[in-house]
Amino acid sequence: MSFILSAFLIFWLQTPGAAVVVGLDDGQTLVVENPEFSGFIEGRSREAVLVYRKEKFHGEIPVNTISRIDFSKYKKGKPFPLMVTLKNGQKLEVQSERRDFVVVKGKTDFGIVTIKHPDPLSSPLKLSTKKPNRKDDLTIQYLEFPAS
């Protein structure tokens, strides 16, 4: 009995973790293992969910059912338009809900990274009632969730 349990534990520990391929605006791609998301995608690895809005309804899609998320053209003061491709091939045009950013944090081949979208590196402080134009602060072009 203990042999079977030991074999199961060894197999379970060797199972590769979830990963996400992050396509950056400059053409670079990063493979982030065991990602942690915050913003309009919330959670860790396979348990994360995309919080979205489409016309007159709101919803959540588990990332383990998503194949790819493409970030469409940004419009100042509006939610992020997203093209979500599900693993079954279905495509959905949705908008980000609640939060207007996403952060991906996790391990890569060269260490732990944090990718913010948008990433305002040094925006000047000023009081305003209008939302800032973050067009120049965008970093992520797409997120791809390979089959595990």
Protein backbone atom coordinates (compact mmCIF):
# COMPACT_ATOMS: atom_id res chain seq x y z
CA MET A 1 0.00 0.00 0.00
CA SER A 2 2.79 2.46 0.88
CA PHE A 3 4.50 1.70 -2.46
CA ILE A 4 1.38 2.79 -4.35
CA LEU A 5 1.10 5.94 -2.22
CA SER A 6 4.78 6.75 -2.76
CA ALA A 7 4.47 6.22 -6.52
CA PHE A 8 1.40 8.47 -6.63
CA LEU A 9 3.18 11.24 -4.69
CA ILE A 10 6.22 11.09 -6.97
CA PHE A 11 3.99 11.25 -10.07
CA TRP A 12 1.96 14.11 -8.58
CA LEU A 13 5.05 16.15 -7.67
CA GLN A 14 6.49 15.74 -11.17
CA THR A 15 3.33 16.97 -12.90
CA PRO A 16 4.18 20.28 -14.58
CA GLY A 17 2.46 23.35 -13.18
CA ALA A 18 0.24 25.68 -15.12
CA ALA A 19 1.88 28.24 -17.35
CA VAL A 20 0.85 31.26 -19.35
CA VAL A 21 2.61 32.71 -22.39
CA VAL A 22 2.63 36.50 -22.20
CA GLY A 23 3.07 38.32 -25.51
CA LEU A 24 4.41 41.80 -24.87
CA ASP A 25 3.87 44.85 -27.09
CA ASP A 26 7.55 44.94 -28.06
CA GLY A 27 7.31 41.45 -29.61
CA GLN A 28 8.96 39.63 -26.72
CA THR A 29 7.25 36.57 -25.22
CA LEU A 30 7.60 35.25 -21.68
CA VAL A 31 6.52 31.89 -20.31
CA VAL A 32 5.34 32.44 -16.73
CA GLU A 33 4.96 29.31 -14.62
CA ASN A 34 2.40 29.08 -11.80
CA PRO A 35 1.11 32.59 -12.51
CA GLU A 36 -0.74 34.72 -9.99
CA PHE A 37 -3.23 37.19 -11.46
CA SER A 38 -4.83 40.32 -10.06
CA GLY A 39 -7.07 42.90 -11.70
CA PHE A 40 -9.77 41.80 -14.12
CA ILE A 41 -8.19 38.32 -13.99
CA GLU A 42 -8.14 37.10 -10.37
CA GLY A 43 -6.55 34.04 -8.78
CA ARG A 44 -3.69 31.59 -9.11
CA SER A 45 -2.77 29.30 -11.99
CA ARG A 46 -5.66 27.13 -13.13
CA GLU A 47 -8.10 28.45 -10.51
CA ALA A 48 -7.99 32.03 -11.85
CA VAL A 49 -11.06 33.60 -13.48
CA LEU A 50 -11.55 36.35 -16.03
CA VAL A 51 -14.19 38.83 -14.84
CA TYR A 52 -15.94 40.27 -17.89
CA ARG A 53 -18.89 42.22 -19.21
CA LYS A 54 -20.71 41.73 -22.50
CA GLU A 55 -23.50 44.12 -23.40
CA LYS A 56 -26.12 43.70 -20.66
CA PHE A 57 -24.64 40.84 -18.62
CA HIS A 58 -21.61 40.19 -16.48
CA GLY A 59 -19.75 36.94 -15.97
CA GLU A 60 -16.66 34.99 -15.01
CA ILE A 61 -14.75 32.55 -17.19
CA PRO A 62 -12.26 30.12 -15.58
CA VAL A 63 -8.87 30.47 -17.30
CA ASN A 64 -8.58 26.69 -17.56
CA THR A 65 -11.28 26.92 -20.31
CA ILE A 66 -9.48 29.76 -22.15
CA SER A 67 -6.94 29.18 -24.89
CA ARG A 68 -5.98 32.80 -25.60
CA ILE A 69 -6.90 36.38 -24.66
CA ASP A 70 -6.07 39.12 -27.18
CA PHE A 71 -6.13 42.70 -25.98
CA SER A 72 -7.90 44.90 -28.54
CA LYS A 73 -7.34 48.61 -29.18
CA TYR A 74 -7.43 50.69 -26.01
CA LYS A 75 -9.84 53.62 -25.72
CA LYS A 76 -9.31 56.28 -23.06
CA GLY A 77 -11.72 55.99 -20.11
CA LYS A 78 -13.26 52.71 -21.36
CA PRO A 79 -12.86 49.11 -20.14
CA PHE A 80 -10.35 46.95 -22.01
CA PRO A 81 -11.90 45.25 -25.05
CA LEU A 82 -10.81 41.60 -25.15
CA MET A 83 -11.07 38.81 -27.72
CA VAL A 84 -11.27 35.56 -25.74
CA THR A 85 -10.69 32.27 -27.55
CA LEU A 86 -11.96 29.27 -25.59
CA LYS A 87 -10.32 25.83 -25.78
CA ASN A 88 -13.32 24.54 -27.77
CA GLY A 89 -12.58 27.15 -30.49
CA GLN A 90 -15.42 29.55 -29.64
CA LYS A 91 -14.50 33.26 -29.71
CA LEU A 92 -16.05 35.89 -27.46
CA GLU A 93 -15.72 39.68 -27.68
CA VAL A 94 -15.98 40.99 -24.12
CA GLN A 95 -14.80 43.89 -21.96
CA SER A 96 -12.88 43.87 -18.71
CA GLU A 97 -15.09 44.28 -15.64
CA ARG A 98 -14.59 46.03 -12.27
CA ARG A 99 -10.90 46.77 -12.60
CA ASP A 100 -9.08 48.41 -15.48
CA PHE A 101 -5.74 46.62 -15.14
CA VAL A 102 -4.24 43.15 -14.96
CA VAL A 103 -1.05 42.01 -13.22
CA VAL A 104 0.69 38.70 -13.94
CA LYS A 105 3.30 37.52 -11.48
CA GLY A 106 5.25 34.28 -11.57
CA LYS A 107 8.44 32.38 -12.27
CA THR A 108 10.28 32.44 -15.58
CA ASP A 109 13.57 30.90 -16.71
CA PHE A 110 15.44 33.95 -15.44
CA GLY A 111 13.61 34.57 -12.16
CA ILE A 112 10.36 35.94 -10.80
CA VAL A 113 8.66 38.63 -12.88
CA THR A 114 5.75 41.02 -12.42
CA ILE A 115 4.03 42.30 -15.56
CA LYS A 116 1.50 45.11 -15.20
CA HIS A 117 -0.93 46.10 -17.94
CA PRO A 118 -0.96 49.08 -18.11
CA ASP A 119 2.30 49.89 -16.37
CA PRO A 120 2.61 53.60 -15.62
CA LEU A 121 6.33 53.84 -14.91
CA SER A 122 6.50 57.48 -13.96
CA SER A 123 3.31 59.39 -14.48
CA PRO A 124 3.33 62.93 -13.19
CA LEU A 125 1.11 63.56 -10.19
CA LYS A 126 -1.78 65.90 -10.79
CA LEU A 127 -5.30 66.29 -9.52
CA SER A 128 -7.97 65.55 -12.08
CA THR A 129 -11.48 64.19 -12.30
CA LYS A 130 -10.77 62.59 -15.69
CA LYS A 131 -9.21 59.17 -16.17
CA PRO A 132 -5.64 59.36 -17.55
CA ASN A 133 -4.87 58.27 -21.10
CA ARG A 134 -2.79 55.12 -20.57
CA LYS A 135 -2.23 54.32 -24.24
CA ASP A 136 1.55 54.65 -23.87
CA ASP A 137 1.61 52.51 -20.69
CA LEU A 138 0.22 49.30 -22.24
CA THR A 139 2.50 46.26 -22.03
CA ILE A 140 0.60 43.05 -22.88
CA GLN A 141 -0.60 42.20 -26.37
CA TYR A 142 -1.97 38.70 -25.59
CA LEU A 143 -2.08 35.94 -22.98
CA GLU A 144 -1.96 32.33 -24.15
CA PHE A 145 -2.88 29.40 -21.91
CA PRO A 146 -1.26 26.24 -23.31
CA ALA A 147 -2.81 22.84 -22.63
CA SER A 148 -1.34 21.34 -19.48
